[in-house]
Amino acid sequence: MSTPALTTYQRHHLRPTYQHHVGYLFPAMVRASQAHVVMLTEQGLIPAERGARLLRGLADLRADTTPPPAYDGSFEDVYYLVEKRLAEACGIPTSQLDVQLARSRNDLDAGVFRMVLRDQLLGVLDRVLAAGSTALEQADRYADVVITGYTHRRPAQPTTIGHALAGYAEALAGEAVAYADLLDTLNTSPLGSCAFAGTDLDISPARVAELLGFGALVTNSYEAVAGADHLVAVGTLNARSLATGARLARTLMDWLSWRWVTTPADFTQGSSIMPQKRNPVVLEHLVSMAGATAADAASVLNNVGAAWWEDSNNATTDVQVRLWESNDRTDRFFALLGGFLAEIEPLEPPSSAEIVASGATTTAAADALTRHGVPFRAAHSVVGRLVRGGDPSTWTAETVRDAAREVTDPLSDDAVADLIAAAVRPELVLDRAQADGPGASAVRAQVTVLRGAFDGVAQRLAALRDRLARADAELDRVASEGASRWS
C-alpha cells in the first residue's frame, strides 16, 4: 500500500521540524514518560498491570538504538511518534494508552526542553571552567612578561600578559556563575501543569520531578507552559559570553601580528600561494561564531516577543533549534579558545625601549611626581611638556626641571630621579602592590582568588551531576521493579 503524499504543511514544516527535533526530544520524552507512568501507578490513577505494561514498552523504546524513522506523515511530530512506537511496543492500539493521562503535550514539551537544555549547558559549563583554568594557568606563568596595554587602540600603560589573561579569567568566572545559576533555573520542573491549568486528578508533580532530577517545581502552572524567560536567558548568556571571548580573540590577533606571542601551529591554516604564511584564522572564526550566537539570541528574543502570553510555538518549539545550535557553538567556541590559550607562549614581547617610546610610561612618571607633593594636574602638565619635547628616553634632569619651572615649585633631586626612573623603566610595573593591578605578586594572588571562584562553580556542577545520576538510578530501579512487580 503506497504512502499518501505529504501535504504542503507536512513537507515544509512538520517534516523539517521533525528532522531537527527527533534526535533531541525522543529520548527525553521516553525518559519523562517513564517517570510519569511510575507516578500514575504509584498514585493509583492507572491499574498496576497497565502501568507495568507501559513501563515495559518504554524500557524497550529506551533500549532501542535503531535510528528514528523518516517522517512519512503517519504521525504529526515527535510527541505522536512516541505514542505510536509505545503502542507498538506494548502490543496495543494507541487508543489503549494511558501515558498522557493528566499530562499535555504542553507541559511535556516544556519539561523535555528543559531537560535537553540542562544536559547541553552542563557540557558548556565544563568548557567554560576548562577555559578559565587554562587562562589562570597562563596568567600565573606569564605574570612577569611586560607588554604595552592599549586603550582606544593606542598605547596606554605597561601591563603584563598575566594581568590581561587574569582579567579575562575573571570575566569567565562571572560567566561560569551565571551558567550555574541558569542551570538552577532550568532545573525547575513544569511537569504536572498539563495544558496550563493543571488537573483535578491526584497527581504528584513532585514525584515526577524527583525521578527526573529536577530540584524544584515551577510555582505557577500558567507560567510553566507560557514562560520563556529561561529560554531567552540561554540564548542571551551564550551571546554575552561569546562576545567577551571574541574581544579577547581580537586582542590576541594583535599580539600574534606584533609577535608578542607564538602562533599555535595546531590552530592555523596555510596560505594557498604564500608558503611562509600560517594564518591563525581560528581567531577570525571565534569572532564570527560570536556574531552567529548573537543572531540566535536575537531570533529567540524576536520570537518570544512576537508570541502571546500563553502556550505558543513562537516562544517554545520554534526557538529550540536556535538554542541547540547556540549551545553547540558555545561549546565549540570555548574548546577552541581554551585550546588556543593553552599553546601561546611569549615570543618577542615589546622591549623596554619600545614601551618607553610608545609613551606608555608617562602616567607612571606623573604619579611619581605626586609622591613628592606635586599636585596631580601640575604633574600631568609637567609630563605633557616633556612628551612634546621628545620620548622619555631623551629626558634629563635639566629638561625635567625646565618643564616644571613654569608649572610648580622647584623639584627636588629625588623627585626628578623618581620621575625619570618611572618614565624609562616599564618593568617597575611588576612591583606594583595594588591588589587588582599588574604587579607580578598581585596577579598571582588574583589567580588564587579566581581559582577559588571556579572551584565553587565546579562544586555546584558536580552536585547537580550527582543529583541527576542518583535520579537516573532511582528511575531505572523503580521502572524496572514496577514493570515486574505490577504485572
Protein backbone atom coordinates (compact mmCIF):
# COMPACT_ATOMS: atom_id res chain seq x y z
CA MET A 1 0.00 0.00 0.00
CA SER A 2 1.56 3.31 -1.06
CA THR A 3 2.13 6.10 1.46
CA PRO A 4 -0.11 9.12 0.87
CA ALA A 5 1.70 12.16 -0.48
CA LEU A 6 2.66 14.71 2.14
CA THR A 7 0.69 17.91 2.29
CA THR A 8 2.39 21.25 1.78
CA TYR A 9 2.35 21.87 5.54
CA GLN A 10 3.87 18.48 6.21
CA ARG A 11 6.60 18.89 3.58
CA HIS A 12 7.63 22.40 4.51
CA HIS A 13 7.12 22.49 8.26
CA LEU A 14 6.31 19.24 10.02
CA ARG A 15 8.94 17.15 8.25
CA PRO A 16 11.90 19.57 8.65
CA THR A 17 10.89 20.32 12.24
CA TYR A 18 10.70 16.61 12.99
CA GLN A 19 14.12 16.06 11.43
CA HIS A 20 15.60 18.81 13.59
CA HIS A 21 13.89 17.73 16.80
CA VAL A 22 13.62 13.95 16.90
CA GLY A 23 17.20 13.21 17.95
CA TYR A 24 16.97 15.65 20.84
CA LEU A 25 13.42 15.09 22.02
CA PHE A 26 12.64 11.39 21.56
CA PRO A 27 15.00 10.08 24.31
CA ALA A 28 13.93 12.83 26.70
CA MET A 29 10.24 12.19 26.06
CA VAL A 30 10.69 8.48 26.73
CA ARG A 31 12.52 9.23 29.98
CA ALA A 32 9.90 11.75 31.09
CA SER A 33 7.19 9.21 30.24
CA GLN A 34 8.80 6.56 32.43
CA ALA A 35 8.72 8.93 35.40
CA HIS A 36 5.12 9.90 34.60
CA VAL A 37 3.90 6.31 34.41
CA VAL A 38 5.66 5.42 37.65
CA MET A 39 3.90 8.32 39.33
CA LEU A 40 0.49 7.48 37.85
CA THR A 41 0.78 3.89 39.04
CA GLU A 42 2.04 4.80 42.50
CA GLN A 43 -0.84 7.27 42.86
CA GLY A 44 -3.38 4.59 41.85
CA LEU A 45 -4.51 6.58 38.82
CA ILE A 46 -3.96 3.65 36.46
CA PRO A 47 -4.17 -0.06 37.28
CA ALA A 48 -0.86 -1.64 38.23
CA GLU A 49 -0.88 -4.12 35.35
CA ARG A 50 -1.37 -1.32 32.81
CA GLY A 51 1.41 0.67 34.41
CA ALA A 52 3.70 -2.36 34.19
CA ARG A 53 2.88 -2.88 30.52
CA LEU A 54 3.63 0.75 29.74
CA LEU A 55 6.91 0.61 31.65
CA ARG A 56 7.99 -2.50 29.73
CA GLY A 57 7.18 -0.76 26.47
CA LEU A 58 9.04 2.37 27.47
CA ALA A 59 12.04 0.27 28.51
CA ASP A 60 12.03 -1.27 25.04
CA LEU A 61 11.96 2.17 23.44
CA ARG A 62 14.81 3.36 25.62
CA ALA A 63 16.92 0.33 24.76
CA ASP A 64 16.21 0.55 21.02
CA THR A 65 19.25 2.05 19.26
CA THR A 66 17.86 1.97 15.72
CA PRO A 67 17.67 5.39 14.05
CA PRO A 68 14.29 7.11 14.25
CA PRO A 69 12.05 6.57 11.26
CA ALA A 70 11.83 9.08 8.46
CA TYR A 71 8.85 11.38 8.52
CA ASP A 72 6.10 9.84 6.40
CA GLY A 73 3.03 11.74 7.57
CA SER A 74 1.66 8.86 9.66
CA PHE A 75 2.35 10.86 12.82
CA GLU A 76 2.38 14.60 13.38
CA ASP A 77 5.55 15.14 15.38
CA VAL A 78 7.93 13.55 17.90
CA TYR A 79 5.23 13.55 20.57
CA TYR A 80 2.95 11.37 18.44
CA LEU A 81 5.88 9.22 17.33
CA VAL A 82 6.45 8.31 20.97
CA GLU A 83 2.80 7.29 21.34
CA LYS A 84 2.86 5.33 18.08
CA ARG A 85 6.02 3.40 18.96
CA LEU A 86 4.93 2.86 22.56
CA ALA A 87 1.66 1.34 21.45
CA GLU A 88 3.55 -0.95 19.10
CA ALA A 89 5.99 -1.95 21.86
CA CYS A 90 3.08 -2.70 24.20
CA GLY A 91 1.15 -4.61 21.53
CA ILE A 92 -1.93 -2.40 21.92
CA PRO A 93 -3.64 0.29 19.82
CA THR A 94 -2.91 3.89 20.72
CA SER A 95 -6.47 4.18 21.98
CA GLN A 96 -5.47 1.90 24.88
CA LEU A 97 -2.60 4.12 26.06
CA ASP A 98 -2.63 5.84 29.45
CA VAL A 99 0.71 7.61 29.10
CA GLN A 100 -0.92 11.01 28.51
CA LEU A 101 -3.30 10.77 31.44
CA ALA A 102 -3.00 14.02 33.45
CA ARG A 103 -0.38 15.30 31.02
CA SER A 104 -0.46 17.59 28.00
CA ARG A 105 1.90 17.96 25.11
CA ASN A 106 2.35 21.47 26.56
CA ASP A 107 3.91 20.50 29.87
CA LEU A 108 5.73 17.54 28.31
CA ASP A 109 7.37 19.82 25.75
CA ALA A 110 8.22 22.38 28.43
CA GLY A 111 9.76 19.64 30.57
CA VAL A 112 11.84 17.93 27.91
CA PHE A 113 13.04 21.27 26.52
CA ARG A 114 14.44 22.00 29.98
CA MET A 115 15.98 18.53 30.18
CA VAL A 116 17.72 18.89 26.81
CA LEU A 117 18.97 22.39 27.57
CA ARG A 118 20.11 21.23 31.03
CA ASP A 119 22.25 18.49 29.51
CA GLN A 120 23.71 20.81 26.90
CA LEU A 121 24.59 23.55 29.38
CA LEU A 122 26.30 21.03 31.65
CA GLY A 123 28.71 20.47 28.77
CA VAL A 124 29.02 24.19 28.03
CA LEU A 125 29.87 24.91 31.65
CA ASP A 126 32.54 22.20 31.56
CA ARG A 127 34.13 24.09 28.65
CA VAL A 128 33.90 27.44 30.41
CA LEU A 129 35.58 26.02 33.50
CA ALA A 130 38.31 24.41 31.41
CA ALA A 131 38.97 27.65 29.50
CA GLY A 132 39.05 29.56 32.78
CA SER A 133 41.53 27.12 34.28
CA THR A 134 43.76 27.48 31.23
CA ALA A 135 43.58 31.28 31.33
CA LEU A 136 44.60 31.22 35.00
CA GLU A 137 47.49 28.83 34.36
CA GLN A 138 48.82 31.12 31.64
CA ALA A 139 48.22 34.22 33.76
CA ASP A 140 50.31 32.73 36.55
CA ARG A 141 53.03 31.57 34.14
CA TYR A 142 53.35 34.92 32.39
CA ALA A 143 52.67 37.30 35.27
CA ASP A 144 56.11 38.85 34.77
CA VAL A 145 56.03 39.30 30.97
CA VAL A 146 55.62 43.05 30.45
CA ILE A 147 53.69 44.31 27.42
CA THR A 148 52.03 47.54 26.37
CA GLY A 149 48.41 47.83 27.37
CA TYR A 150 46.12 49.64 24.94
CA THR A 151 43.03 51.81 25.22
CA HIS A 152 41.13 53.03 22.15
CA ARG A 153 43.70 51.16 20.04
CA ARG A 154 46.53 53.39 21.27
CA PRO A 155 49.42 52.56 23.63
CA ALA A 156 48.31 53.45 27.16
CA GLN A 157 50.25 51.91 30.08
CA PRO A 158 52.55 48.98 30.77
CA THR A 159 50.87 45.78 31.91
CA THR A 160 51.62 42.09 31.61
CA ILE A 161 50.34 39.11 29.67
CA GLY A 162 49.38 37.62 33.03
CA HIS A 163 47.37 40.67 34.02
CA ALA A 164 45.40 40.64 30.76
CA LEU A 165 44.67 36.91 30.96
CA ALA A 166 43.70 37.07 34.62
CA GLY A 167 41.27 39.82 33.66
CA TYR A 168 39.67 37.57 31.04
CA ALA A 169 39.58 34.74 33.58
CA GLU A 170 37.60 36.99 35.92
CA ALA A 171 35.07 37.59 33.16
CA LEU A 172 34.88 33.83 32.62
CA ALA A 173 34.37 33.31 36.35
CA GLY A 174 31.35 35.62 36.25
CA GLU A 175 30.02 33.78 33.22
CA ALA A 176 30.55 30.43 34.94
CA VAL A 177 28.47 31.60 37.92
CA ALA A 178 25.79 32.81 35.51
CA TYR A 179 25.68 29.40 33.78
CA ALA A 180 25.44 27.64 37.14
CA ASP A 181 22.57 29.94 38.15
CA LEU A 182 20.87 29.34 34.81
CA LEU A 183 21.16 25.59 35.30
CA ASP A 184 19.36 26.01 38.63
CA THR A 185 16.61 27.89 36.80
CA LEU A 186 16.36 25.26 34.06
CA ASN A 187 16.29 22.51 36.65
CA THR A 188 12.78 23.51 37.74
CA SER A 189 10.04 21.16 36.59
CA PRO A 190 6.89 22.30 34.75
CA LEU A 191 5.57 18.74 34.53
CA GLY A 192 2.14 18.37 36.07
CA SER A 193 0.83 21.71 34.82
CA CYS A 194 -0.83 19.86 31.90
CA ALA A 195 -2.19 22.26 29.27
CA PHE A 196 -1.71 25.19 31.69
CA ALA A 197 -4.43 24.77 34.33
CA GLY A 198 -3.41 21.52 35.99
CA THR A 199 -5.85 18.69 36.68
CA ASP A 200 -8.39 17.53 39.27
CA LEU A 201 -6.65 14.14 39.40
CA ASP A 202 -4.46 13.39 42.41
CA ILE A 203 -1.12 13.50 40.63
CA SER A 204 2.25 14.06 42.28
CA PRO A 205 4.33 16.50 40.20
CA ALA A 206 7.00 16.42 42.90
CA ARG A 207 7.49 12.68 42.37
CA VAL A 208 7.98 13.15 38.62
CA ALA A 209 10.42 16.00 39.28
CA GLU A 210 12.36 13.85 41.75
CA LEU A 211 12.69 10.95 39.29
CA LEU A 212 13.96 13.29 36.56
CA GLY A 213 16.46 15.10 38.76
CA PHE A 214 14.65 18.43 38.89
CA GLY A 215 15.40 20.44 42.01
CA ALA A 216 12.06 22.22 42.34
CA LEU A 217 8.67 22.82 40.70
CA VAL A 218 7.60 25.88 38.76
CA THR A 219 5.30 27.73 41.17
CA ASN A 220 2.52 28.63 38.73
CA SER A 221 1.09 26.24 36.15
CA TYR A 222 0.38 29.03 33.64
CA GLU A 223 4.00 30.20 33.79
CA ALA A 224 5.10 26.58 33.49
CA VAL A 225 3.91 26.36 29.89
CA ALA A 226 3.74 30.04 28.84
CA GLY A 227 7.04 31.16 30.34
CA ALA A 228 10.05 31.65 28.10
CA ASP A 229 12.42 33.77 30.17
CA HIS A 230 14.64 30.74 30.77
CA LEU A 231 14.87 30.20 27.01
CA VAL A 232 15.81 33.82 26.43
CA ALA A 233 18.37 33.52 29.20
CA VAL A 234 20.11 30.61 27.44
CA GLY A 235 20.46 32.49 24.17
CA THR A 236 21.50 35.79 25.71
CA LEU A 237 24.02 34.28 28.13
CA ASN A 238 25.69 32.45 25.28
CA ALA A 239 25.76 35.65 23.23
CA ARG A 240 27.19 37.65 26.13
CA SER A 241 29.89 35.08 26.87
CA LEU A 242 31.00 34.72 23.28
CA ALA A 243 31.02 38.49 22.74
CA THR A 244 33.53 38.83 25.58
CA GLY A 245 35.60 35.95 24.25
CA ALA A 246 35.56 37.48 20.76
CA ARG A 247 37.02 40.69 22.18
CA LEU A 248 39.91 38.69 23.61
CA ALA A 249 40.30 36.92 20.25
CA ARG A 250 40.74 40.28 18.52
CA THR A 251 43.35 41.34 21.07
CA LEU A 252 45.14 38.03 20.54
CA MET A 253 45.19 38.75 16.80
CA ASP A 254 47.22 41.87 17.59
CA TRP A 255 49.57 40.01 19.91
CA LEU A 256 50.27 37.47 17.18
CA SER A 257 50.72 40.12 14.49
CA TRP A 258 53.16 42.03 16.71
CA ARG A 259 54.98 38.73 17.51
CA TRP A 260 54.48 39.25 21.22
CA VAL A 261 53.35 35.62 21.50
CA THR A 262 53.75 32.49 19.41
CA THR A 263 51.18 31.41 16.88
CA PRO A 264 49.96 27.93 17.92
CA ALA A 265 50.55 25.71 14.90
CA ASP A 266 47.54 23.49 15.63
CA PHE A 267 45.22 26.47 15.19
CA THR A 268 46.47 27.76 11.83
CA GLN A 269 45.82 27.22 8.15
CA GLY A 270 48.37 27.60 5.37
CA SER A 271 48.23 30.12 2.57
CA SER A 272 47.30 28.86 -0.89
CA ILE A 273 50.16 30.75 -2.59
CA MET A 274 52.43 32.15 0.14
CA PRO A 275 54.42 29.28 1.65
CA GLN A 276 55.81 31.36 4.52
CA LYS A 277 52.38 32.11 5.97
CA ARG A 278 50.47 30.31 8.68
CA ASN A 279 47.19 32.09 9.28
CA PRO A 280 45.59 31.95 12.75
CA VAL A 281 42.12 32.00 11.23
CA VAL A 282 40.66 30.29 14.27
CA LEU A 283 40.59 33.74 15.90
CA GLU A 284 38.54 35.04 12.98
CA HIS A 285 36.21 32.06 13.35
CA LEU A 286 35.74 32.86 17.04
CA VAL A 287 34.64 36.39 16.20
CA SER A 288 32.24 35.05 13.57
CA MET A 289 30.88 32.45 15.98
CA ALA A 290 30.14 35.21 18.47
CA GLY A 291 28.19 37.06 15.79
CA ALA A 292 26.16 33.98 14.90
CA THR A 293 25.36 33.40 18.56
CA ALA A 294 24.20 36.99 18.93
CA ALA A 295 21.95 36.42 15.91
CA ASP A 296 20.50 33.29 17.53
CA ALA A 297 19.78 35.27 20.71
CA ALA A 298 18.11 37.99 18.66
CA SER A 299 15.98 35.37 16.92
CA VAL A 300 14.86 33.93 20.26
CA LEU A 301 14.04 37.39 21.60
CA ASN A 302 12.10 38.23 18.45
CA ASN A 303 10.07 35.01 18.56
CA VAL A 304 9.30 35.31 22.25
CA GLY A 305 8.33 38.95 21.88
CA ALA A 306 6.04 38.08 18.97
CA ALA A 307 4.15 35.44 20.97
CA TRP A 308 1.07 35.73 23.16
CA TRP A 309 1.29 35.27 26.94
CA GLU A 310 0.15 31.67 26.65
CA ASP A 311 1.45 28.42 25.25
CA SER A 312 2.68 29.38 21.80
CA ASN A 313 5.05 27.67 19.40
CA ASN A 314 6.69 31.03 18.67
CA ALA A 315 8.08 31.15 22.19
CA THR A 316 8.76 27.44 22.74
CA THR A 317 9.12 24.89 19.93
CA ASP A 318 10.24 27.34 17.27
CA VAL A 319 13.17 28.66 19.31
CA GLN A 320 14.61 25.27 20.23
CA VAL A 321 16.79 24.78 17.16
CA ARG A 322 18.28 28.23 17.65
CA LEU A 323 19.12 27.35 21.25
CA TRP A 324 20.52 23.91 20.44
CA GLU A 325 22.75 25.38 17.75
CA SER A 326 23.74 28.21 20.07
CA ASN A 327 24.73 25.75 22.78
CA ASP A 328 26.71 23.60 20.36
CA ARG A 329 28.51 26.66 19.01
CA THR A 330 29.24 27.91 22.52
CA ASP A 331 30.69 24.54 23.48
CA ARG A 332 32.97 24.58 20.42
CA PHE A 333 33.91 28.23 20.97
CA PHE A 334 35.29 27.62 24.45
CA ALA A 335 37.00 24.40 23.36
CA LEU A 336 38.80 26.37 20.63
CA LEU A 337 39.62 29.41 22.75
CA GLY A 338 40.81 27.34 25.69
CA GLY A 339 42.94 25.18 23.42
CA PHE A 340 44.45 28.25 21.78
CA LEU A 341 45.31 29.89 25.10
CA ALA A 342 46.97 26.71 26.32
CA GLU A 343 49.51 26.86 23.49
CA ILE A 344 50.53 30.51 23.38
CA GLU A 345 53.98 31.43 24.69
CA PRO A 346 55.86 34.74 24.79
CA LEU A 347 57.84 35.22 21.58
CA GLU A 348 59.11 38.78 21.23
CA PRO A 349 57.27 40.92 23.81
CA PRO A 350 57.90 44.66 23.42
CA SER A 351 61.26 45.75 24.77
CA SER A 352 61.58 48.35 27.47
CA ALA A 353 62.76 50.81 24.84
CA GLU A 354 59.69 50.15 22.68
CA ILE A 355 57.33 50.56 25.60
CA VAL A 356 59.05 53.80 26.62
CA ALA A 357 58.98 55.14 23.05
CA SER A 358 55.24 54.46 22.86
CA GLY A 359 54.62 56.89 25.72
CA ALA A 360 53.01 54.17 27.86
CA THR A 361 55.12 55.06 30.93
CA THR A 362 54.12 58.71 31.16
CA THR A 363 51.27 58.20 33.61
CA ALA A 364 53.66 56.45 35.98
CA ALA A 365 56.07 59.39 35.55
CA ALA A 366 53.35 61.87 36.54
CA ASP A 367 52.37 59.70 39.50
CA ALA A 368 56.00 59.70 40.62
CA LEU A 369 55.91 63.47 40.97
CA THR A 370 52.75 63.36 43.08
CA ARG A 371 54.60 61.22 45.62
CA HIS A 372 56.77 64.30 46.21
CA GLY A 373 53.85 66.63 46.88
CA VAL A 374 53.26 67.95 43.35
CA PRO A 375 49.52 68.30 42.62
CA PHE A 376 48.40 65.80 40.02
CA ARG A 377 47.27 68.34 37.44
CA ALA A 378 50.60 70.12 37.72
CA ALA A 379 52.45 66.80 37.46
CA HIS A 380 50.37 65.95 34.42
CA SER A 381 51.29 69.28 32.83
CA VAL A 382 55.00 68.77 33.51
CA VAL A 383 54.98 65.37 31.85
CA GLY A 384 52.90 66.71 28.96
CA ARG A 385 55.53 69.36 28.30
CA LEU A 386 58.25 66.70 28.43
CA VAL A 387 56.39 64.43 25.98
CA ARG A 388 56.07 67.28 23.48
CA GLY A 389 59.82 67.69 23.62
CA GLY A 390 60.67 64.03 22.96
CA ASP A 391 60.06 60.49 24.18
CA PRO A 392 61.09 59.65 27.76
CA SER A 393 64.44 58.17 26.73
CA THR A 394 65.57 61.71 25.88
CA TRP A 395 64.59 63.31 29.20
CA THR A 396 67.29 64.58 31.50
CA ALA A 397 67.29 66.20 34.91
CA GLU A 398 67.71 69.57 33.22
CA THR A 399 64.79 69.10 30.81
CA VAL A 400 62.58 67.91 33.68
CA ARG A 401 63.38 70.99 35.77
CA ASP A 402 62.81 73.25 32.76
CA ALA A 403 59.39 71.68 32.13
CA ALA A 404 58.42 72.12 35.78
CA ARG A 405 59.67 75.67 36.23
CA GLU A 406 56.51 77.45 35.00
CA VAL A 407 54.07 74.88 36.43
CA THR A 408 55.01 74.12 40.01
CA ASP A 409 57.57 74.73 42.72
CA PRO A 410 61.16 73.68 42.06
CA LEU A 411 61.56 69.89 42.10
CA SER A 412 63.87 68.09 44.50
CA ASP A 413 66.59 65.83 43.19
CA ASP A 414 64.65 62.79 44.44
CA ALA A 415 61.51 63.92 42.61
CA VAL A 416 63.42 64.31 39.35
CA ALA A 417 65.13 60.96 39.77
CA ASP A 418 61.85 59.21 40.55
CA LEU A 419 60.15 60.76 37.52
CA ILE A 420 62.91 59.68 35.16
CA ALA A 421 63.07 56.16 36.61
CA ALA A 422 59.31 55.71 36.22
CA ALA A 423 59.50 57.03 32.67
CA VAL A 424 62.28 54.74 31.42
CA ARG A 425 61.72 51.56 33.45
CA PRO A 426 58.37 49.97 32.48
CA GLU A 427 59.38 46.82 34.34
CA LEU A 428 58.70 48.68 37.58
CA VAL A 429 55.05 47.77 36.99
CA LEU A 430 55.96 44.26 38.14
CA ASP A 431 56.49 45.63 41.64
CA ARG A 432 53.15 47.45 41.82
CA ALA A 433 51.44 46.49 45.06
CA GLN A 434 47.83 47.34 44.16
CA ALA A 435 45.82 44.16 44.66
CA ASP A 436 43.96 44.29 41.35
CA GLY A 437 46.89 45.65 39.33
CA PRO A 438 49.56 44.17 37.06
CA GLY A 439 52.21 43.60 39.72
CA ALA A 440 53.50 40.03 39.43
CA SER A 441 52.62 39.15 43.02
CA ALA A 442 49.24 40.82 42.67
CA VAL A 443 48.41 38.89 39.51
CA ARG A 444 49.33 35.61 41.14
CA ALA A 445 47.16 36.49 44.12
CA GLN A 446 44.31 37.24 41.71
CA VAL A 447 44.84 33.83 40.14
CA THR A 448 44.42 32.21 43.56
CA VAL A 449 41.18 34.11 44.24
CA LEU A 450 39.76 33.29 40.82
CA ARG A 451 40.66 29.63 41.13
CA GLY A 452 38.53 29.63 44.25
CA ALA A 453 35.64 31.09 42.28
CA PHE A 454 35.96 28.44 39.57
CA ASP A 455 36.24 25.73 42.22
CA GLY A 456 32.98 26.93 43.75
CA VAL A 457 31.19 26.61 40.42
CA ALA A 458 32.79 23.22 39.79
CA GLN A 459 31.38 22.02 43.11
CA ARG A 460 27.90 23.22 42.12
CA LEU A 461 28.26 21.44 38.79
CA ALA A 462 29.36 18.21 40.47
CA ALA A 463 26.43 18.40 42.89
CA LEU A 464 23.97 18.78 40.02
CA ARG A 465 25.52 15.89 38.12
CA ASP A 466 25.34 13.78 41.26
CA ARG A 467 21.67 14.68 41.68
CA LEU A 468 20.92 13.72 38.07
CA ALA A 469 22.86 10.46 38.35
CA ARG A 470 21.02 9.48 41.53
CA ALA A 471 17.68 10.36 39.93
CA ASP A 472 18.56 8.28 36.85
CA ALA A 473 19.47 5.31 39.02
CA GLU A 474 16.28 5.63 41.06
CA LEU A 475 14.09 5.90 37.97
CA ASP A 476 15.79 2.87 36.44
CA ARG A 477 15.20 0.94 39.65
CA VAL A 478 11.53 1.79 40.20
CA ALA A 479 10.68 1.46 36.50
CA SER A 480 12.34 -1.97 36.31
CA GLU A 481 10.76 -3.17 39.56
CA GLY A 482 7.38 -1.77 38.55
CA ALA A 483 7.49 -3.49 35.16
CA SER A 484 7.90 -6.81 37.01
CA ARG A 485 6.10 -6.34 40.34
CA TRP A 486 3.00 -4.61 38.99
CA SER A 487 2.34 -7.21 36.29
